[in-house]
Protein backbone atom coordinates (compact mmCIF):
# COMPACT_ATOMS: atom_id res chain seq x y z
CA MET A 1 110.21 74.10 91.79
CA LYS A 2 110.06 74.82 95.52
CA ASP A 3 113.52 73.25 96.10
CA GLN A 4 114.92 75.28 93.18
CA ALA A 5 113.37 78.52 94.49
CA GLU A 6 114.80 77.78 97.93
CA PHE A 7 118.18 77.11 96.52
CA SER A 8 118.10 80.33 94.46
CA ARG A 9 117.04 82.37 97.44
CA ARG A 10 119.68 81.01 99.73
CA SER A 11 122.33 81.30 97.03
CA PHE A 12 121.42 84.98 96.53
CA VAL A 13 121.50 85.74 100.24
CA THR A 14 124.81 83.94 100.79
CA ALA A 15 126.40 85.71 97.82
CA ALA A 16 125.04 89.04 98.90
CA GLY A 17 126.44 88.44 102.38
CA THR A 18 129.89 87.68 101.03
CA THR A 19 129.77 90.83 98.97
CA ALA A 20 128.63 92.88 101.98
CA LEU A 21 131.52 91.74 104.12
CA THR A 22 134.06 92.87 101.52
CA PHE A 23 132.76 96.49 101.56
CA GLY A 24 134.68 98.52 103.90
CA MET A 25 104.25 112.69 108.27
CA PRO A 26 102.46 115.59 109.78
CA ALA A 27 100.51 114.29 112.74
CA ILE A 28 96.75 113.81 112.60
CA VAL A 29 95.13 116.44 114.81
CA PRO A 30 93.40 114.92 117.83
CA ALA A 31 89.58 114.95 117.43
CA ARG A 32 86.52 113.26 118.87
CA ALA A 33 86.67 110.06 120.87
CA LEU A 34 85.17 107.95 118.10
CA GLY A 35 85.51 110.48 115.30
CA ARG A 36 81.95 111.75 115.31
CA GLU A 37 80.28 114.56 117.24
CA GLY A 38 77.49 113.44 119.58
CA LYS A 39 78.55 109.83 119.79
CA ALA A 40 78.49 107.91 123.03
CA ALA A 41 81.63 107.18 125.00
CA ALA A 42 84.51 105.28 123.42
CA SER A 43 83.51 102.10 125.20
CA GLU A 44 80.65 101.64 122.75
CA ARG A 45 81.05 99.86 119.47
CA LEU A 46 82.62 101.52 116.53
CA THR A 47 80.26 101.27 113.52
CA LEU A 48 81.74 100.11 110.21
CA GLY A 49 80.83 100.11 106.53
CA PHE A 50 82.67 98.02 103.94
CA ILE A 51 83.33 99.02 100.30
CA GLY A 52 84.27 96.25 97.88
CA MET A 53 83.31 92.77 99.03
CA GLY A 54 85.83 90.57 97.16
CA THR A 55 88.34 88.17 98.73
CA MET A 56 90.37 90.78 100.60
CA ASN A 57 87.40 92.48 102.28
CA SER A 58 85.87 89.10 103.04
CA GLY A 59 88.87 88.47 105.24
CA HIS A 60 88.67 91.89 106.82
CA LEU A 61 84.94 91.37 107.44
CA GLY A 62 85.59 88.19 109.37
CA ALA A 63 88.15 89.87 111.44
CA PHE A 64 85.96 92.78 112.44
CA LEU A 65 82.93 90.58 112.97
CA GLY A 66 85.03 88.79 115.55
CA LYS A 67 85.75 91.96 117.55
CA ALA A 68 83.37 92.93 120.31
CA GLU A 69 84.22 96.66 119.93
CA THR A 70 82.97 96.90 116.32
CA GLN A 71 79.60 96.66 114.70
CA VAL A 72 79.17 96.17 110.86
CA LEU A 73 76.22 98.15 109.67
CA ALA A 74 76.66 98.15 105.88
CA VAL A 75 78.42 96.56 102.93
CA CYS A 76 78.77 97.89 99.39
CA ASP A 77 79.64 96.21 96.12
CA CYS A 78 78.56 96.89 92.53
CA ASP A 79 78.19 93.08 92.10
CA THR A 80 74.84 91.96 93.50
CA THR A 81 75.96 88.40 94.31
CA ARG A 82 78.96 89.47 96.40
CA ARG A 83 77.07 92.23 98.07
CA GLU A 84 74.19 90.05 99.11
CA HIS A 85 76.54 87.24 100.29
CA ALA A 86 78.37 89.71 102.55
CA ARG A 87 75.15 91.22 103.88
CA LYS A 88 73.63 87.83 104.78
CA ARG A 89 76.91 86.79 106.40
CA VAL A 90 76.79 89.82 108.67
CA ASP A 91 73.18 89.28 109.59
CA GLU A 92 73.71 85.60 110.29
CA HIS A 93 76.72 86.34 112.46
CA TYR A 94 74.84 88.83 114.68
CA ALA A 95 71.75 86.65 114.84
CA LYS A 96 73.84 83.90 116.33
CA ALA A 97 75.57 86.31 118.74
CA LYS A 98 72.42 88.04 120.10
CA THR A 99 72.75 86.39 123.45
CA LYS A 100 76.12 88.14 123.80
CA GLY A 101 74.63 91.55 123.50
CA SER A 102 74.98 92.12 119.72
CA ASP A 103 73.36 95.19 118.20
CA PRO A 104 70.15 94.01 116.46
CA ARG A 105 70.32 96.42 113.54
CA ASP A 106 70.17 94.80 110.12
CA CYS A 107 73.13 95.14 107.77
CA LYS A 108 72.23 97.15 104.68
CA GLY A 109 73.65 96.54 101.18
CA TYR A 110 74.60 99.32 98.75
CA ASN A 111 75.53 99.24 95.07
CA ASP A 112 77.08 102.74 95.09
CA PHE A 113 79.57 103.75 97.78
CA ARG A 114 78.33 107.30 97.69
CA ASP A 115 75.00 106.18 99.15
CA LEU A 116 76.85 104.33 101.94
CA LEU A 117 78.92 107.40 102.80
CA LYS A 118 75.72 109.33 103.46
CA ARG A 119 75.06 107.17 106.61
CA SER A 120 75.59 109.44 109.61
CA ASP A 121 75.52 106.46 111.95
CA ILE A 122 78.66 104.85 110.52
CA ASP A 123 82.00 105.89 111.98
CA ALA A 124 84.54 104.31 109.69
CA MET A 125 85.04 102.61 106.28
CA VAL A 126 87.01 99.51 105.27
CA ILE A 127 87.99 99.84 101.58
CA ALA A 128 89.20 97.00 99.45
CA THR A 129 88.23 97.93 95.90
CA PRO A 130 90.49 97.72 92.84
CA ASP A 131 93.27 100.31 92.99
CA HIS A 132 91.79 102.70 90.45
CA TRP A 133 89.02 103.48 92.93
CA HIS A 134 91.04 104.01 96.15
CA ALA A 135 91.82 107.72 95.95
CA ILE A 136 88.27 108.78 95.07
CA GLN A 137 86.78 106.73 97.83
CA ILE A 138 89.35 107.77 100.40
CA ILE A 139 88.79 111.51 99.72
CA GLU A 140 84.98 111.22 99.72
CA ALA A 141 85.14 109.18 103.00
CA CYS A 142 87.31 111.90 104.57
CA LYS A 143 84.78 114.54 103.48
CA ALA A 144 82.04 112.52 104.98
CA GLY A 145 83.86 112.39 108.31
CA LYS A 146 84.70 108.69 108.27
CA ASP A 147 87.97 107.11 109.39
CA ILE A 148 89.43 104.70 106.93
CA TYR A 149 91.13 101.35 106.59
CA CYS A 150 92.24 101.08 102.97
CA GLU A 151 94.00 98.24 101.28
CA LYS A 152 97.36 98.74 99.69
CA PRO A 153 98.51 99.91 97.19
CA LEU A 154 96.96 103.10 98.43
CA THR A 155 96.65 104.91 95.05
CA LEU A 156 96.91 104.43 91.32
CA THR A 157 98.96 107.62 90.65
CA ILE A 158 101.53 109.84 92.35
CA LEU A 159 99.19 112.84 92.39
CA GLU A 160 96.63 110.71 94.14
CA ALA A 161 99.11 109.69 96.76
CA ARG A 162 99.89 113.36 97.60
CA THR A 163 96.18 114.28 97.56
CA VAL A 164 95.09 111.61 99.95
CA ILE A 165 97.65 112.80 102.47
CA GLU A 166 96.15 116.29 102.22
CA ALA A 167 92.62 115.00 102.48
CA VAL A 168 93.29 112.92 105.60
CA GLN A 169 95.11 115.87 107.24
CA LYS A 170 92.45 118.47 106.33
CA HIS A 171 89.57 116.46 107.67
CA HIS A 172 91.48 115.06 110.71
CA ARG A 173 90.87 111.50 109.79
CA VAL A 174 92.72 108.31 110.86
CA LEU A 175 93.77 106.22 107.89
CA GLN A 176 95.48 102.81 108.17
CA THR A 177 97.03 101.41 104.98
CA GLY A 178 96.76 97.63 104.62
CA SER A 179 100.53 97.18 104.88
CA GLN A 180 100.26 94.38 107.47
CA GLN A 181 103.95 93.51 107.35
CA ARG A 182 104.60 96.38 109.73
CA THR A 183 102.49 94.85 112.55
CA GLU A 184 102.06 91.13 111.82
CA PHE A 185 104.12 88.07 110.64
CA ASP A 186 105.53 87.54 114.15
CA GLY A 187 107.17 91.01 113.99
CA ARG A 188 110.02 89.77 111.86
CA PHE A 189 109.82 92.78 109.44
CA ARG A 190 109.84 95.16 112.34
CA LYS A 191 112.78 93.36 113.89
CA ALA A 192 114.70 93.45 110.59
CA CYS A 193 114.19 97.24 110.33
CA GLU A 194 115.16 97.77 113.97
CA TYR A 195 118.46 95.92 113.47
CA VAL A 196 119.21 97.73 110.17
CA ARG A 197 118.35 101.14 111.66
CA SER A 198 120.45 100.36 114.77
CA GLY A 199 123.51 99.88 112.63
CA ARG A 200 123.93 96.10 113.20
CA ILE A 201 124.94 95.53 109.54
CA GLY A 202 127.05 98.68 109.38
CA LYS A 203 126.17 101.39 106.88
CA VAL A 204 123.45 100.23 104.49
CA GLN A 205 124.71 100.15 100.94
CA THR A 206 122.09 98.26 98.90
CA ILE A 207 118.62 96.76 99.28
CA HIS A 208 117.06 94.17 97.03
CA ALA A 209 113.30 93.95 96.98
CA GLY A 210 111.84 90.93 95.24
CA VAL A 211 108.47 91.82 93.77
CA GLY A 212 106.66 91.23 90.49
CA ALA A 213 106.63 93.06 87.12
CA PRO A 214 104.90 96.33 86.03
CA SER A 215 101.31 96.20 84.76
CA ARG A 216 100.48 96.15 81.05
CA PRO A 217 97.63 97.43 78.94
CA CYS A 218 94.45 95.37 79.17
CA ASP A 219 93.80 93.30 76.08
CA LEU A 220 91.18 90.87 77.43
CA PRO A 221 88.37 89.78 75.07
CA GLU A 222 84.69 90.53 75.64
CA GLU A 223 82.63 87.96 77.60
CA PRO A 224 78.88 87.79 78.28
CA MET A 225 77.96 90.21 81.03
CA GLU A 226 77.73 88.87 84.56
CA PRO A 227 74.12 89.17 85.74
CA GLY A 228 73.64 91.56 88.60
CA LEU A 229 76.97 93.45 87.99
CA ASP A 230 76.98 97.21 87.51
CA TRP A 231 79.85 97.07 85.10
CA ASP A 232 79.90 100.75 84.36
CA LEU A 233 80.30 101.45 88.07
CA TRP A 234 83.04 98.83 88.39
CA LEU A 235 84.99 100.64 85.66
CA GLY A 236 84.28 104.02 87.17
CA PRO A 237 87.15 106.43 86.27
CA ALA A 238 88.92 103.77 84.17
CA PRO A 239 88.48 103.69 80.35
CA ARG A 240 85.35 102.10 79.04
CA ARG A 241 85.79 98.51 77.79
CA PRO A 242 83.86 95.24 77.53
CA TYR A 243 83.35 92.97 80.49
CA ASN A 244 85.74 90.15 81.20
CA SER A 245 85.51 87.87 84.20
CA ILE A 246 89.24 88.04 84.86
CA LEU A 247 88.68 91.66 85.95
CA SER A 248 85.46 91.07 88.01
CA PRO A 249 85.04 87.38 88.62
CA ARG A 250 81.63 85.82 88.49
CA GLY A 251 79.88 85.04 91.79
CA VAL A 252 81.61 84.71 95.22
CA HIS A 253 85.18 83.75 94.60
CA LYS A 254 88.13 82.95 96.78
CA HIS A 255 91.10 84.08 94.70
CA PHE A 256 92.65 87.51 94.15
CA PRO A 257 91.47 88.72 90.67
CA ASN A 258 94.02 89.55 88.05
CA TRP A 259 92.81 93.13 87.37
CA ARG A 260 96.01 94.05 89.19
CA SER A 261 98.05 92.99 86.13
CA TYR A 262 96.54 95.70 83.86
CA ILE A 263 97.68 99.30 83.73
CA GLU A 264 94.10 100.77 83.67
CA TYR A 265 93.41 99.48 87.14
CA SER A 266 96.73 98.82 88.96
CA GLY A 267 100.56 98.95 88.73
CA GLY A 268 100.99 95.16 88.52
CA GLY A 269 103.32 93.27 90.83
CA MET A 270 105.27 96.48 91.32
CA THR A 271 102.41 97.98 93.30
CA ASP A 272 100.78 94.72 94.56
CA PHE A 273 103.70 93.21 96.58
CA GLY A 274 105.81 96.32 95.92
CA ALA A 275 103.51 98.19 98.31
CA HIS A 276 104.71 95.61 100.94
CA HIS A 277 108.34 95.12 100.18
CA PHE A 278 109.36 98.58 99.02
CA ASP A 279 107.49 99.74 102.09
CA ILE A 280 109.79 97.69 104.30
CA ALA A 281 112.76 99.06 102.47
CA GLN A 282 111.58 102.57 103.17
CA TRP A 283 110.98 101.62 106.85
CA GLY A 284 114.43 100.18 107.17
CA LEU A 285 115.98 103.34 105.72
CA ASN A 286 113.85 105.60 107.95
CA ARG A 287 112.35 107.19 104.83
CA ASP A 288 108.66 106.99 105.65
CA ASP A 289 108.20 110.68 104.64
CA SER A 290 110.58 110.68 101.73
CA GLY A 291 111.90 108.56 98.86
CA PRO A 292 114.65 108.11 96.28
CA VAL A 293 116.00 111.00 94.20
CA GLN A 294 116.97 109.00 91.08
CA ILE A 295 115.25 106.10 89.28
CA ILE A 296 117.23 104.33 86.59
CA PRO A 297 115.75 101.66 84.34
CA PRO A 298 117.77 98.63 83.11
CA ASP A 299 119.38 98.89 79.73
CA ASP A 300 117.07 96.33 78.22
CA SER A 301 113.83 98.17 77.31
CA ASN A 302 111.87 94.89 77.64
CA ALA A 303 113.15 94.11 81.12
CA THR A 304 110.63 93.79 83.98
CA GLN A 305 113.25 93.79 86.77
CA GLY A 306 116.40 95.80 87.40
CA VAL A 307 115.21 99.29 88.14
CA ARG A 308 117.60 101.08 90.51
CA TYR A 309 116.42 103.63 93.04
CA ILE A 310 119.15 105.86 94.38
CA TYR A 311 118.69 107.84 97.65
CA ASP A 312 120.34 111.06 98.49
CA ASP A 313 122.86 109.27 100.76
CA GLY A 314 123.92 106.90 98.01
CA VAL A 315 121.95 103.84 99.11
CA VAL A 316 120.71 101.89 96.08
CA LEU A 317 117.42 100.01 96.20
CA TYR A 318 117.14 97.35 93.44
CA HIS A 319 113.95 95.91 92.08
CA GLY A 320 114.85 92.24 91.96
CA GLY A 321 116.05 89.33 93.95
CA PRO A 322 114.31 86.80 96.15
CA SER A 323 110.87 87.59 97.52
CA GLY A 324 111.18 89.90 100.46
CA ASP A 325 113.91 92.40 101.37
CA THR A 326 117.69 91.94 101.49
CA PHE A 327 119.51 94.75 103.28
CA VAL A 328 123.24 94.71 102.53
CA GLY A 329 125.64 96.77 104.69
CA THR A 330 129.35 97.16 105.25
CA GLY A 331 129.23 94.68 108.03
CA GLY A 332 126.77 92.07 106.88
CA LEU A 333 123.19 91.61 105.66
CA ILE A 334 119.72 90.95 106.86
CA TYR A 335 117.16 89.10 104.77
CA VAL A 336 113.49 89.12 105.68
CA ASP A 337 110.31 87.70 104.18
CA ARG A 338 107.01 86.54 105.56
CA GLY A 339 108.33 83.17 106.56
CA GLU A 340 111.96 83.94 107.38
CA LEU A 341 114.40 86.27 108.96
CA LEU A 342 118.13 85.71 108.81
CA SER A 343 121.42 87.46 108.81
CA VAL A 344 124.92 86.99 107.50
CA PRO A 345 126.86 86.45 109.71
CA GLY A 346 124.24 84.72 111.78
CA SER A 347 125.49 86.31 115.01
CA ILE A 348 123.94 89.69 114.03
CA LEU A 349 120.37 88.71 114.98
CA LYS A 350 121.51 86.73 118.06
CA LYS A 351 122.58 89.84 119.96
CA PRO A 352 119.52 91.48 121.53
CA LEU A 353 118.72 95.10 120.86
CA GLU A 354 119.77 97.41 123.66
CA LYS A 355 118.07 100.35 125.26
CA GLY A 356 119.81 102.89 123.01
CA ASP A 357 118.93 101.00 119.80
CA VAL A 358 116.02 101.75 117.54
CA HIS A 359 112.72 100.25 118.84
CA LEU A 360 109.85 100.62 116.35
CA PRO A 361 106.17 100.65 117.35
CA THR A 362 104.39 97.34 117.93
CA ALA A 363 100.78 96.26 117.75
CA LYS A 364 98.68 93.22 118.50
CA ASP A 365 97.56 93.24 114.83
CA HIS A 366 96.86 95.64 112.03
CA HIS A 367 93.08 95.94 112.66
CA THR A 368 93.51 96.49 116.41
CA ASN A 369 96.15 99.14 115.76
CA TRP A 370 93.63 101.02 113.55
CA LEU A 371 90.87 100.78 116.15
CA GLU A 372 93.17 101.99 118.87
CA SER A 373 94.29 104.93 116.75
CA ILE A 374 90.63 105.90 116.08
CA LYS A 375 90.05 106.08 119.82
CA SER A 376 93.32 107.92 120.59
CA ARG A 377 93.27 110.04 117.40
CA LYS A 378 96.95 109.25 116.97
CA PRO A 379 98.40 107.99 113.67
CA PRO A 380 98.46 104.22 113.18
CA ILE A 381 101.65 102.40 112.31
CA ALA A 382 100.87 102.29 108.56
CA ASN A 383 99.37 105.78 108.43
CA VAL A 384 98.42 107.70 105.24
CA GLY A 385 101.95 109.16 104.85
CA VAL A 386 103.50 105.75 105.06
CA GLY A 387 101.13 104.31 102.47
CA ALA A 388 101.42 107.31 100.12
CA HIS A 389 105.17 107.45 100.07
CA SER A 390 105.59 103.65 99.75
CA VAL A 391 103.25 103.44 96.77
CA THR A 392 105.01 106.44 95.20
CA VAL A 393 108.19 104.37 95.13
CA CYS A 394 106.27 101.68 93.21
CA HIS A 395 104.83 104.31 90.80
CA LEU A 396 108.23 105.82 90.16
CA GLY A 397 109.67 102.38 89.18
CA ASN A 398 106.72 101.74 86.86
CA LEU A 399 107.23 105.07 85.13
CA ALA A 400 110.90 104.27 84.54
CA TYR A 401 109.96 100.93 83.01
CA TRP A 402 107.09 102.28 80.89
CA HIS A 403 109.00 105.27 79.50
CA HIS A 404 112.47 103.65 79.73
CA ARG A 405 114.45 106.59 80.88
CA ALA A 406 116.11 107.81 83.98
CA LEU A 407 114.16 110.11 86.25
CA HIS A 408 115.23 112.69 88.84
CA TRP A 409 112.73 112.96 91.73
CA ASP A 410 112.21 115.49 94.46
CA PRO A 411 110.34 113.60 97.18
CA LYS A 412 109.62 116.82 99.15
CA ALA A 413 108.11 118.76 96.23
CA TRP A 414 106.41 115.68 94.76
CA GLN A 415 107.81 116.65 91.36
CA PHE A 416 110.36 115.50 88.77
CA VAL A 417 113.38 117.80 88.66
CA ASN A 418 113.56 120.01 85.52
CA ASP A 419 111.51 117.52 83.61
CA PRO A 420 108.15 118.91 82.32
CA GLU A 421 107.39 115.85 80.30
CA ALA A 422 107.76 113.46 83.29
CA ASN A 423 105.61 115.78 85.44
CA THR A 424 102.77 115.09 83.04
CA TRP A 425 102.92 111.43 84.24
CA LEU A 426 102.01 112.27 87.81
CA ASP A 427 98.34 111.58 87.19
CA ARG A 428 96.02 110.10 84.61
CA ASP A 429 92.90 111.05 82.77
CA ARG A 430 89.62 109.85 84.33
CA ARG A 431 86.48 108.87 82.47
CA ASP A 432 83.58 111.26 82.86
CA PRO A 433 81.92 111.95 85.19
CA TRP A 434 84.59 110.74 87.55
CA LYS A 435 87.23 113.24 88.61
CA LEU A 436 89.62 113.33 91.54
CA PRO A 437 87.45 115.14 94.07
CA ALA A 438 88.45 118.42 95.62
CA ILE A 439 89.42 117.87 99.16
């Protein structure tokens, strides 16, 4: 299967290259050194709390435990097993590191994120919960004066995307979206976008983004409840339904749970890897604060690929193709994914960028970029505007698939054009007592 996938990818890129050659955010206001009045100088440790202790935040936890400039003070999860596992991991780490000057404070565990946010001694939050929780937790963290690292996809709805931008700006917070392709993977995504934006493939005509399918309604059967899990809190604003371990796995697990396949909690592959690869498409087009103006579904109402996004300059972004992004221009193409960067013709990438070309920001890694932004109060590379606009592209595609009709979008107004029905799809109902908080 690997050989077949490799053949298909290279065939696609080669064919696209042949076709190509026949073609003639508002800034965050500077604030306190570490984001909190009365704190010591920026040389002291930044204190962190973690919300959601599944596989993704387990990785983030390890990364921040390894940084001398951060101190983890609290973890939160509505699953007791995962929460206690993370809390003990933190305590054991610092116990071993005491000779290196580690802060002796014990890590506290919380079931409810609202209790964690009350901690005045915590500077920033790392959020890696299921998507249906992100916007509520981001807004409440902003109101509590915390800076935020939140996993992608940033929101579950378009209205949430717009609202989290407003919340971050109003409360002068620093938010980094977990779109690591902008800073990591040997810089190949950044380089691809630099070459595209510098005109090395001519005028961009099409982009293919290879990501998964839209989410679908959850139809999982009921299973015996997991001991120690606050299932009602896990569901939160999502509709009430019986427990199933596919949504919240039992115990400490090492896989990425499949709640992301279900519409109640996520947008499926469209928002999961779409938040990565559509994000790179937006970056390559220099559309971080904008988006497409038309979204057209495929003719087949059962299709899960083939949506076309049309930008105001005529560029067409296709949902479909090999994993990653294929930028096709009048003078060639550039293909980029996590393990590869190539061009057709190959000479495009061999010529170094010059002083007058586009040079995008770099960072040691995504976590370090966030920490540096907290200290400087300057926006990180994947700031809230980046995350919100990229996930909106994903949401627009899902709406086109789900409702199977063309949509006209105004990315500045955050509204569908002359389409009252479609504008009712910008947000969803939430289960009581959970509402989208006022900012």
